[in-house]
Amino acid sequence: MNRSAVVQTPSRRSEQIPGRLAYSVPEVAVLLGGVTERYVWKLIDNGNGPLRSFVLGKRRVVYYEDLDAFIRQLRD
């Protein structure tokens, strides 16, 4: 994913908004190549795991930057 990509709103093409800043647990599972949601929950592990997250309303979400840092750490 390229964070510099910009999404145009259909109502006003002159205004631009940035891409997603956070993803839900099911979305993270897909972004990590189709791993299970259960695996993502293990990565989060209530704040003790390697993947940082936070609660937004009733959902747990992961910042894009934290997901990106996690993937880069795995690669190195």
C-alpha atoms as a PDB file:
ATOM      1  CA  MET A   1       0.000   0.000   0.000  1.00  0.00           C
ATOM      2  CA  ASN A   2       1.220   3.395  -0.867  1.00  0.00           C
ATOM      3  CA  ARG A   3       0.299   6.067   1.689  1.00  0.00           C
ATOM      4  CA  SER A   4       1.001   8.819  -0.808  1.00  0.00           C
ATOM      5  CA  ALA A   5      -1.937   7.603  -2.883  1.00  0.00           C
ATOM      6  CA  VAL A   6      -4.871   9.952  -2.615  1.00  0.00           C
ATOM      7  CA  VAL A   7      -8.545   9.116  -2.980  1.00  0.00           C
ATOM      8  CA  GLN A   8     -10.803  11.587  -4.733  1.00  0.00           C
ATOM      9  CA  THR A   9     -14.311  12.138  -3.417  1.00  0.00           C
ATOM     10  CA  PRO A  10     -16.983  11.576  -6.032  1.00  0.00           C
ATOM     11  CA  SER A  11     -18.900  14.711  -5.069  1.00  0.00           C
ATOM     12  CA  ARG A  12     -16.029  17.185  -5.361  1.00  0.00           C
ATOM     13  CA  ARG A  13     -13.154  16.154  -7.546  1.00  0.00           C
ATOM     14  CA  SER A  14     -11.137  19.220  -6.612  1.00  0.00           C
ATOM     15  CA  GLU A  15     -10.926  18.142  -2.945  1.00  0.00           C
ATOM     16  CA  GLN A  16      -8.783  15.169  -1.985  1.00  0.00           C
ATOM     17  CA  ILE A  17      -8.722  13.076   1.174  1.00  0.00           C
ATOM     18  CA  PRO A  18      -5.956  10.751   2.398  1.00  0.00           C
ATOM     19  CA  GLY A  19      -6.279   6.975   2.375  1.00  0.00           C
ATOM     20  CA  ARG A  20      -7.246   4.901   5.413  1.00  0.00           C
ATOM     21  CA  LEU A  21      -5.457   5.648   8.682  1.00  0.00           C
ATOM     22  CA  ALA A  22      -6.603   2.553  10.593  1.00  0.00           C
ATOM     23  CA  TYR A  23      -7.905  -0.932   9.843  1.00  0.00           C
ATOM     24  CA  SER A  24     -10.174  -3.344  11.718  1.00  0.00           C
ATOM     25  CA  VAL A  25      -9.002  -6.816  12.736  1.00  0.00           C
ATOM     26  CA  PRO A  26     -10.694  -8.535   9.741  1.00  0.00           C
ATOM     27  CA  GLU A  27      -9.116  -5.998   7.371  1.00  0.00           C
ATOM     28  CA  VAL A  28      -5.680  -6.533   8.926  1.00  0.00           C
ATOM     29  CA  ALA A  29      -6.092 -10.282   8.389  1.00  0.00           C
ATOM     30  CA  VAL A  30      -6.675  -9.685   4.684  1.00  0.00           C
ATOM     31  CA  LEU A  31      -3.829  -7.170   4.417  1.00  0.00           C
ATOM     32  CA  LEU A  32      -1.414  -9.639   5.997  1.00  0.00           C
ATOM     33  CA  GLY A  33      -2.020 -12.020   3.128  1.00  0.00           C
ATOM     34  CA  GLY A  34      -5.140 -13.810   4.247  1.00  0.00           C
ATOM     35  CA  VAL A  35      -4.142 -14.930   7.726  1.00  0.00           C
ATOM     36  CA  THR A  36      -6.962 -15.720  10.127  1.00  0.00           C
ATOM     37  CA  GLU A  37      -8.533 -13.152  12.419  1.00  0.00           C
ATOM     38  CA  ARG A  38      -7.568 -15.393  15.319  1.00  0.00           C
ATOM     39  CA  TYR A  39      -3.908 -15.020  14.316  1.00  0.00           C
ATOM     40  CA  VAL A  40      -4.286 -11.230  14.239  1.00  0.00           C
ATOM     41  CA  TRP A  41      -5.799 -11.342  17.729  1.00  0.00           C
ATOM     42  CA  LYS A  42      -2.741 -13.341  18.870  1.00  0.00           C
ATOM     43  CA  LEU A  43      -0.492 -10.657  17.368  1.00  0.00           C
ATOM     44  CA  ILE A  44      -2.412  -7.991  19.278  1.00  0.00           C
ATOM     45  CA  ASP A  45      -2.593 -10.005  22.545  1.00  0.00           C
ATOM     46  CA  ASN A  46      -4.285  -7.236  24.582  1.00  0.00           C
ATOM     47  CA  GLY A  47      -1.405  -4.827  24.118  1.00  0.00           C
ATOM     48  CA  ASN A  48       1.312  -7.379  24.920  1.00  0.00           C
ATOM     49  CA  GLY A  49       1.856  -8.620  21.374  1.00  0.00           C
ATOM     50  CA  PRO A  50       4.040  -7.275  18.602  1.00  0.00           C
ATOM     51  CA  LEU A  51       1.146  -5.527  16.827  1.00  0.00           C
ATOM     52  CA  ARG A  52      -0.162  -2.367  18.479  1.00  0.00           C
ATOM     53  CA  SER A  53      -3.881  -1.568  18.387  1.00  0.00           C
ATOM     54  CA  PHE A  54      -6.518   0.534  20.100  1.00  0.00           C
ATOM     55  CA  VAL A  55     -10.268   0.525  20.677  1.00  0.00           C
ATOM     56  CA  LEU A  56     -12.382   2.839  18.558  1.00  0.00           C
ATOM     57  CA  GLY A  57     -15.996   2.676  19.624  1.00  0.00           C
ATOM     58  CA  LYS A  58     -16.709  -1.043  19.892  1.00  0.00           C
ATOM     59  CA  ARG A  59     -14.032  -2.122  17.441  1.00  0.00           C
ATOM     60  CA  ARG A  60     -10.339  -2.787  17.846  1.00  0.00           C
ATOM     61  CA  VAL A  61      -8.320  -1.168  15.089  1.00  0.00           C
ATOM     62  CA  VAL A  62      -4.688  -0.969  14.026  1.00  0.00           C
ATOM     63  CA  TYR A  63      -3.061   2.211  12.751  1.00  0.00           C
ATOM     64  CA  TYR A  64      -1.635   1.905   9.252  1.00  0.00           C
ATOM     65  CA  GLU A  65       1.754   3.097  10.550  1.00  0.00           C
ATOM     66  CA  ASP A  66       1.831   0.360  13.214  1.00  0.00           C
ATOM     67  CA  LEU A  67       0.900  -2.305  10.672  1.00  0.00           C
ATOM     68  CA  ASP A  68       3.573  -1.014   8.295  1.00  0.00           C
ATOM     69  CA  ALA A  69       6.200  -0.990  11.082  1.00  0.00           C
ATOM     70  CA  PHE A  70       5.240  -4.551  12.055  1.00  0.00           C
ATOM     71  CA  ILE A  71       5.654  -5.777   8.475  1.00  0.00           C
ATOM     72  CA  ARG A  72       8.988  -3.971   8.072  1.00  0.00           C
ATOM     73  CA  GLN A  73      10.205  -5.536  11.324  1.00  0.00           C
ATOM     74  CA  LEU A  74       9.322  -9.002  10.011  1.00  0.00           C
ATOM     75  CA  ARG A  75      11.167  -8.297   6.782  1.00  0.00           C
ATOM     76  CA  ASP A  76      14.377  -7.217   8.547  1.00  0.00           C
END
